[in-house]
Protein backbone atom coordinates (compact mmCIF):
# COMPACT_ATOMS: atom_id res chain seq x y z
CA UNK A 1 -4.14 18.49 -10.49
CA UNK A 2 -0.41 17.64 -10.87
CA UNK A 3 0.63 13.97 -10.84
CA UNK A 4 2.65 14.73 -7.70
CA UNK A 5 -0.51 15.23 -5.60
CA UNK A 6 -1.79 11.63 -5.84
CA UNK A 7 1.78 10.35 -5.37
CA UNK A 8 2.04 12.28 -2.12
CA UNK A 9 -1.44 11.09 -1.16
CA UNK A 10 -0.30 7.49 -1.67
CA UNK A 11 2.62 8.01 0.71
CA UNK A 12 0.32 9.69 3.23
CA UNK A 13 -2.03 6.71 2.88
CA UNK A 14 0.77 4.35 3.91
CA UNK A 15 1.85 6.60 6.76
CA UNK A 16 -1.73 7.17 7.89
CA UNK A 17 -2.28 3.41 7.96
CA UNK A 18 0.68 3.13 10.32
CA UNK A 19 -0.47 5.95 12.57
CA UNK A 20 -4.04 4.69 12.96
CA UNK A 21 -3.71 0.91 12.60
CA UNK A 22 -3.17 0.44 16.32
CA UNK A 23 -6.87 1.18 16.82
CA UNK A 24 -7.51 -2.38 15.61
CA UNK A 25 -4.39 -3.91 17.17
CA UNK A 26 -4.50 -2.75 20.80
CA UNK A 27 -5.93 -5.96 22.22
CA UNK A 28 -3.71 -8.55 20.41
CA UNK A 29 -0.63 -6.34 20.69
CA UNK A 30 -1.08 -5.67 24.41
CA UNK A 31 -1.66 -9.39 25.03
CA UNK A 32 1.45 -10.41 23.09
CA UNK A 33 3.73 -7.84 24.74
CA UNK A 34 2.25 -8.29 28.22
CA UNK A 35 0.92 -4.76 28.77
CA UNK A 36 -2.51 -3.30 29.48
CA UNK A 37 -4.57 -1.86 26.56
CA UNK A 38 -4.36 1.61 28.16
CA UNK A 39 -0.54 1.37 28.14
CA UNK A 40 -0.56 0.07 24.57
CA UNK A 41 -2.57 3.16 23.65
CA UNK A 42 0.57 5.16 24.43
CA UNK A 43 2.00 3.84 21.14
CA UNK A 44 -0.47 6.13 19.36
CA UNK A 45 0.34 9.08 21.62
CA UNK A 46 4.09 8.53 21.20
CA UNK A 47 3.65 8.56 17.43
CA UNK A 48 1.86 11.88 17.76
CA UNK A 49 4.66 13.25 19.98
CA UNK A 50 7.14 12.41 17.24
CA UNK A 51 4.90 14.11 14.69
CA UNK A 52 4.67 17.29 16.78
CA UNK A 53 8.43 17.50 17.33
CA UNK A 54 9.43 16.31 13.89
CA UNK A 55 7.23 18.59 11.79
CA UNK A 56 9.03 21.90 12.43
CA UNK A 57 12.51 20.43 13.00
CA UNK A 58 12.61 18.23 9.89
CA UNK A 59 10.91 20.91 7.79
CA UNK A 60 13.62 23.45 8.66
CA UNK A 61 16.54 21.11 7.99
CA UNK A 62 14.88 19.53 4.95
CA UNK A 63 14.30 22.94 3.34
CA UNK A 64 17.99 23.09 2.44
CA UNK A 65 17.66 20.08 0.13
CA UNK A 66 15.63 19.44 -2.96
CA UNK A 67 12.15 18.25 -1.90
CA UNK A 68 12.51 15.00 -3.88
CA UNK A 69 15.64 13.94 -1.97
CA UNK A 70 14.17 14.88 1.40
CA UNK A 71 10.86 13.10 0.80
CA UNK A 72 12.53 9.91 -0.46
CA UNK A 73 14.99 9.77 2.46
CA UNK A 74 12.17 10.29 4.95
CA UNK A 75 10.19 7.43 3.43
CA UNK A 76 13.25 5.17 3.64
CA UNK A 77 13.68 6.03 7.32
CA UNK A 78 9.98 5.30 7.84
CA UNK A 79 10.38 1.85 6.24
CA UNK A 80 13.41 1.01 8.40
CA UNK A 81 11.57 1.94 11.61
CA UNK A 82 8.73 -0.41 10.70
CA UNK A 83 11.10 -3.26 9.91
CA UNK A 84 12.66 -2.94 13.37
CA UNK A 85 9.23 -2.65 15.00
CA UNK A 86 8.03 -5.78 13.22
CA UNK A 87 10.70 -7.95 14.84
CA UNK A 88 10.73 -6.31 18.28
CA UNK A 89 9.70 -8.28 21.37
CA UNK A 90 9.95 -5.31 23.75
CA UNK A 91 7.17 -2.77 24.23
CA UNK A 92 9.73 -0.01 24.84
CA UNK A 93 11.71 -0.81 21.70
CA UNK A 94 8.46 -0.75 19.73
CA UNK A 95 7.62 2.59 21.36
CA UNK A 96 10.99 3.97 20.23
CA UNK A 97 10.46 2.83 16.64
CA UNK A 98 7.06 4.53 16.67
CA UNK A 99 8.67 7.83 17.62
CA UNK A 100 11.33 7.48 14.89
CA UNK A 101 8.69 6.60 12.29
CA UNK A 102 6.66 9.59 13.43
CA UNK A 103 9.61 11.96 13.01
CA UNK A 104 9.97 10.79 9.41
CA UNK A 105 6.22 10.98 8.84
CA UNK A 106 6.01 14.48 10.32
CA UNK A 107 8.75 15.83 8.12
CA UNK A 108 7.22 14.22 5.06
CA UNK A 109 3.76 15.64 5.74
CA UNK A 110 5.04 19.13 6.60
CA UNK A 111 7.16 19.31 3.42
CA UNK A 112 4.34 17.84 1.33
CA UNK A 113 1.86 20.46 2.58
CA UNK A 114 4.34 23.29 1.98
CA UNK A 115 5.17 21.94 -1.48
CA UNK A 116 1.50 21.87 -2.46
CA UNK A 117 1.32 25.63 -2.05
CA UNK A 118 4.21 25.95 -4.53
CA UNK A 119 2.69 23.86 -7.30
CA UNK A 120 -1.01 24.82 -7.27
CA UNK A 121 -2.82 28.16 -7.42
CA UNK A 122 -4.24 29.66 -4.18
CA UNK A 123 -7.75 28.81 -5.35
CA UNK A 124 -6.81 25.13 -5.57
CA UNK A 125 -5.19 24.94 -2.14
CA UNK A 126 -8.25 23.65 -0.29
CA UNK A 127 -8.83 20.95 -2.91
CA UNK A 128 -5.15 19.93 -3.03
CA UNK A 129 -4.84 19.72 0.77
CA UNK A 130 -8.09 17.75 0.96
CA UNK A 131 -6.69 15.36 -1.67
CA UNK A 132 -3.59 14.80 0.45
CA UNK A 133 -5.72 14.26 3.55
CA UNK A 134 -7.84 11.79 1.57
CA UNK A 135 -4.78 9.54 1.85
CA UNK A 136 -5.32 9.66 5.61
CA UNK A 137 -9.03 8.94 5.38
CA UNK A 138 -8.49 6.12 2.89
CA UNK A 139 -6.09 4.67 5.43
CA UNK A 140 -8.94 4.47 7.91
CA UNK A 141 -11.24 2.92 5.28
CA UNK A 142 -8.85 0.42 3.69
CA UNK A 143 -5.50 0.39 5.45
CA UNK A 144 -6.59 0.10 9.08
CA UNK A 145 -9.32 -2.55 8.55
CA UNK A 146 -6.98 -4.47 6.21
CA UNK A 147 -4.31 -4.28 8.88
CA UNK A 148 -6.74 -5.66 11.45
CA UNK A 149 -7.65 -8.51 9.10
CA UNK A 150 -3.99 -9.20 8.34
CA UNK A 151 -3.23 -9.21 12.07
CA UNK A 152 -6.04 -11.72 12.61
CA UNK A 153 -4.54 -14.04 9.99
CA UNK A 154 -0.79 -13.60 10.45
CA UNK A 155 -0.37 -11.69 13.72
CA UNK A 156 -0.04 -7.99 14.45
CA UNK A 157 3.60 -7.88 13.28
CA UNK A 158 2.53 -8.56 9.71
CA UNK A 159 0.81 -5.17 9.59
CA UNK A 160 4.15 -3.44 10.16
CA UNK A 161 5.66 -5.29 7.20
CA UNK A 162 2.59 -4.42 5.15
CA UNK A 163 3.03 -0.70 5.80
CA UNK A 164 6.69 -0.88 4.77
CA UNK A 165 5.71 -2.49 1.46
CA UNK A 166 3.04 0.17 0.84
CA UNK A 167 5.72 2.88 0.84
CA UNK A 168 7.65 1.40 -2.09
CA UNK A 169 5.32 2.55 -4.93
CA UNK A 170 5.32 6.06 -3.44
CA UNK A 171 9.12 6.15 -3.53
CA UNK A 172 9.06 5.09 -7.19
CA UNK A 173 6.48 7.78 -8.00
CA UNK A 174 8.59 10.48 -6.33
CA UNK A 175 11.66 9.42 -8.29
CA UNK A 176 9.75 9.57 -11.59
CA UNK A 177 7.86 12.82 -10.99
CA UNK A 178 9.26 15.96 -12.65
CA UNK A 179 7.20 18.58 -10.79
CA UNK A 180 9.46 18.54 -7.74
CA UNK A 181 12.44 19.56 -9.85
CA UNK A 182 10.84 22.97 -10.37
CA UNK A 183 10.29 23.66 -6.65
CA UNK A 184 12.85 26.16 -5.36
CA UNK A 185 14.83 25.20 -2.25
CA UNK A 186 15.16 27.56 0.71
CA UNK A 187 18.85 27.76 1.63
CA UNK A 188 18.22 30.13 4.55
CA UNK A 189 15.09 29.68 6.64
CA UNK A 190 13.97 32.73 8.66
CA UNK A 191 12.71 30.66 11.58
CA UNK A 192 11.83 33.55 13.90
CA UNK A 193 9.97 35.41 11.17
CA UNK A 194 8.02 32.29 10.22
CA UNK A 195 7.20 31.49 13.85
CA UNK A 196 5.77 34.99 14.16
CA UNK A 197 3.01 33.84 11.82
CA UNK A 198 1.55 31.98 14.80
CA UNK A 199 0.83 35.34 16.42
CA UNK A 200 -1.57 36.22 13.65
CA UNK A 201 -5.19 35.55 14.57
CA UNK A 202 -5.96 34.06 11.16
CA UNK A 203 -3.34 31.33 11.80
CA UNK A 204 -3.45 30.87 15.58
CA UNK A 205 -7.22 30.41 15.91
CA UNK A 206 -7.55 27.55 13.39
CA UNK A 207 -4.49 25.90 14.98
CA UNK A 208 -6.19 25.89 18.40
CA UNK A 209 -9.49 24.67 16.96
CA UNK A 210 -7.74 21.92 14.99
CA UNK A 211 -6.04 20.67 18.17
CA UNK A 212 -9.39 20.43 19.98
CA UNK A 213 -11.25 18.75 17.12
CA UNK A 214 -8.48 16.26 16.41
CA UNK A 215 -8.08 15.40 20.10
CA UNK A 216 -11.74 14.36 20.12
CA UNK A 217 -11.43 12.48 16.83
CA UNK A 218 -8.34 10.45 17.64
CA UNK A 219 -9.32 9.86 21.24
CA UNK A 220 -12.42 8.02 20.03
CA UNK A 221 -10.78 6.39 17.03
CA UNK A 222 -7.82 4.96 18.95
CA UNK A 223 -10.18 3.20 21.35
CA UNK A 224 -12.88 2.41 18.80
CA UNK A 225 -12.06 -1.31 18.87
CA UNK A 226 -12.29 -1.27 22.67
CA UNK A 227 -15.54 0.73 22.58
CA UNK A 228 -16.94 -1.79 20.11
CA UNK A 229 -15.89 -4.71 22.30
CA UNK A 230 -17.67 -3.16 25.29
CA UNK A 231 -20.79 -2.81 23.12
CA UNK A 232 -20.69 -6.47 22.14
CA UNK A 233 -19.03 -6.13 18.72
CA UNK A 234 -17.24 -9.44 18.17
CA UNK A 235 -13.60 -9.40 17.11
CA UNK A 236 -14.22 -10.44 13.45
CA UNK A 237 -16.42 -7.33 13.07
CA UNK A 238 -13.88 -4.84 14.42
CA UNK A 239 -12.37 -4.19 10.92
CA UNK A 240 -15.88 -3.35 9.68
CA UNK A 241 -16.34 -0.92 12.57
CA UNK A 242 -13.04 0.79 11.72
CA UNK A 243 -14.05 0.88 8.05
CA UNK A 244 -17.36 2.55 8.96
CA UNK A 245 -15.42 5.35 10.65
CA UNK A 246 -13.05 5.60 7.67
CA UNK A 247 -15.84 5.74 5.08
CA UNK A 248 -17.46 8.54 7.03
CA UNK A 249 -14.12 10.35 7.27
CA UNK A 250 -13.55 10.07 3.51
CA UNK A 251 -17.01 11.47 2.80
CA UNK A 252 -16.36 14.31 5.23
CA UNK A 253 -13.06 15.28 3.59
CA UNK A 254 -14.62 14.99 0.12
CA UNK A 255 -17.48 17.26 1.16
CA UNK A 256 -15.02 19.82 2.51
CA UNK A 257 -13.03 19.80 -0.74
CA UNK A 258 -16.18 20.39 -2.75
CA UNK A 259 -18.30 22.79 -0.70
CA UNK A 260 -16.41 24.32 2.24
CA UNK A 261 -14.29 27.02 0.57
CA UNK A 262 -17.10 29.54 0.05
CA UNK A 263 -18.56 29.15 3.56
CA UNK A 264 -15.63 27.93 5.62
CA UNK A 265 -16.37 29.71 8.90
CA UNK A 266 -19.97 28.51 9.03
CA UNK A 267 -18.84 25.06 7.86
CA UNK A 268 -16.50 24.78 10.85
CA UNK A 269 -18.94 26.18 13.42
CA UNK A 270 -22.00 24.21 12.33
CA UNK A 271 -19.96 21.06 11.79
CA UNK A 272 -18.42 21.44 15.26
CA UNK A 273 -21.81 21.69 16.98
CA UNK A 274 -23.11 18.76 14.90
CA UNK A 275 -20.11 16.65 15.96
CA UNK A 276 -20.73 17.60 19.59
CA UNK A 277 -24.34 16.45 19.37
CA UNK A 278 -23.31 13.23 17.65
CA UNK A 279 -20.68 12.32 20.28
CA UNK A 280 -23.14 13.09 23.08
CA UNK A 281 -25.79 10.84 21.55
CA UNK A 282 -23.23 8.08 20.99
CA UNK A 283 -22.16 8.28 24.63
CA UNK A 284 -25.67 7.28 25.69
CA UNK A 285 -25.64 4.36 23.23
CA UNK A 286 -22.27 2.75 23.88
CA UNK A 287 -24.00 -0.42 25.07
CA UNK A 288 -25.49 -1.01 21.61
CA UNK A 289 -23.38 -2.39 18.75
CA UNK A 290 -25.77 -0.86 16.20
CA UNK A 291 -25.46 2.59 17.75
CA UNK A 292 -21.68 2.29 17.90
CA UNK A 293 -21.51 1.42 14.18
CA UNK A 294 -23.75 4.36 13.25
CA UNK A 295 -21.85 6.69 15.57
CA UNK A 296 -18.50 5.62 14.11
CA UNK A 297 -19.67 6.43 10.57
CA UNK A 298 -21.25 9.80 11.41
CA UNK A 299 -18.49 10.74 13.85
CA UNK A 300 -15.81 10.08 11.25
CA UNK A 301 -17.70 12.14 8.67
CA UNK A 302 -18.32 15.20 10.87
CA UNK A 303 -14.89 15.14 12.55
CA UNK A 304 -12.91 15.00 9.33
CA UNK A 305 -15.16 17.50 7.55
CA UNK A 306 -14.36 20.07 10.25
CA UNK A 307 -10.76 18.98 10.81
CA UNK A 308 -9.76 19.06 7.13
CA UNK A 309 -11.32 22.53 6.72
CA UNK A 310 -9.19 23.77 9.62
CA UNK A 311 -5.98 22.22 8.24
CA UNK A 312 -6.64 23.73 4.79
CA UNK A 313 -7.20 27.13 6.40
CA UNK A 314 -3.89 26.95 8.30
CA UNK A 315 -1.93 26.08 5.14
CA UNK A 316 -3.60 28.85 3.15
CA UNK A 317 -3.33 31.57 5.82
CA UNK A 318 0.32 30.95 6.80
CA UNK A 319 1.61 32.84 3.75
CA UNK A 320 4.50 34.31 5.72
CA UNK A 321 5.81 30.85 6.58
CA UNK A 322 6.74 29.12 3.29
CA UNK A 323 8.72 26.43 5.14
CA UNK A 324 6.89 26.10 8.46
CA UNK A 325 3.35 26.64 7.16
CA UNK A 326 2.96 22.93 6.51
CA UNK A 327 4.55 22.23 9.89
CA UNK A 328 1.96 24.40 11.65
CA UNK A 329 -0.80 22.31 10.10
CA UNK A 330 0.99 19.05 10.93
CA UNK A 331 1.57 20.11 14.55
CA UNK A 332 -2.08 21.14 14.93
CA UNK A 333 -3.23 17.79 13.60
CA UNK A 334 -0.90 15.78 15.80
CA UNK A 335 -1.12 17.74 19.02
CA UNK A 336 -4.72 16.57 18.95
CA UNK A 337 -3.66 13.04 17.99
CA UNK A 338 -1.19 13.08 20.90
CA UNK A 339 -3.44 14.53 23.59
CA UNK A 340 -6.65 12.79 22.51
CA UNK A 341 -5.61 9.13 23.04
CA UNK A 342 -3.75 9.98 26.26
CA UNK A 343 -6.81 11.81 27.61
CA UNK A 344 -9.09 9.00 26.41
CA UNK A 345 -6.89 6.40 28.14
CA UNK A 346 -7.14 8.22 31.46
CA UNK A 347 -10.89 8.67 31.09
CA UNK A 348 -11.39 5.02 30.09
CA UNK A 349 -9.65 3.84 33.26
CA UNK A 350 -12.24 5.63 35.39
CA UNK A 351 -15.38 5.99 33.28
CA UNK A 352 -15.14 3.32 30.59
CA UNK A 353 -16.14 3.68 26.95
CA UNK A 354 -18.92 6.14 27.69
CA UNK A 355 -16.47 8.52 29.32
CA UNK A 356 -14.26 8.57 26.20
CA UNK A 357 -17.16 9.69 24.00
CA UNK A 358 -18.38 12.29 26.50
CA UNK A 359 -14.84 13.71 26.57
CA UNK A 360 -14.92 13.96 22.75
CA UNK A 361 -18.21 15.86 22.97
CA UNK A 362 -16.70 18.34 25.43
CA UNK A 363 -13.68 18.97 23.18
CA UNK A 364 -15.72 19.58 20.02
CA UNK A 365 -18.13 21.79 21.97
CA UNK A 366 -15.19 23.97 23.01
CA UNK A 367 -13.96 24.18 19.40
CA UNK A 368 -17.39 25.05 18.02
CA UNK A 369 -17.90 27.71 20.68
CA UNK A 370 -14.62 29.40 19.67
CA UNK A 371 -15.29 29.29 15.92
CA UNK A 372 -16.61 32.87 16.01
CA UNK A 373 -12.99 33.99 16.52
CA UNK A 374 -12.14 32.90 12.99
CA UNK A 375 -11.83 35.81 10.57
CA UNK A 376 -14.92 36.02 8.34
CA UNK A 377 -13.14 35.83 5.01
CA UNK A 378 -11.29 32.56 4.13
């Protein structure tokens, strides 16, 4: 595995920490800025909106430059957005910085995923993509709980500074790496031809399934601290609850990297039905802190096992979209991350924590039921 892969994973770890850290900050942040937790949850959805818009747009414009320059500039923009967010006293200014940071993150992830296909063999694509996504899952294990602890000690703003600092080693690694120098730029991007890839069943179906699965995942994860509080989990234990989800997610991605390639369709279908059953059982146990901890661990594992298999499949199948292939995967991931928290917020207002988890079960059930539409061969 080229040195570039763990460098990119480190950057994705920092960015993933930023995207998901609000799951442990909703209550203190909403209190400090004078908004309701449901409104504060829009910070996660707004980040996802920026990811959805930014992935194709930044990927197209960034394709004209050397990947090293584009990736470094995007990380610098990401750092600046967090510095502004850290000193903001307005919810709407903070919301704006989240969108800007997301645009940078989206472009980075889309270009990183497309670059992976250029530097590894087709047989290594699933493993390489899973390694990149391990940066995201490690963010839920280490970054998000650490952010919650840091917020408890120094306030929620300190987590924004922490994310900015995390990006610095990744920038250094990108500047030192030599692999990127061999990646050919694309001076002219055939946007219409690449968008036509979405008409192909082998690309469109996993995109739809990834949106459904990730909507369920991020709807629950964004409100996991709130779900835990309703179950009686005391505030000092919220980082541990987030870590339980993250550990499960890391194990799920690791399992996909190791075993999913040869049986991907069955992996997605069976994993989808298992996730549905898990969310349904958790919904009936949201009054118990023990059940919520167990459900967070197992839900993270099953959700990311299925979700990472779908993202890997999109990257591998979009062969006719060398620039936008990574953007397709990024959009699929973040359409779910955008819709899931917004849907969960509306459900929480009327049905509480139990309603959020039942909604997740319905979404994964729909995805699992449609898995038969996936072409048989990976």
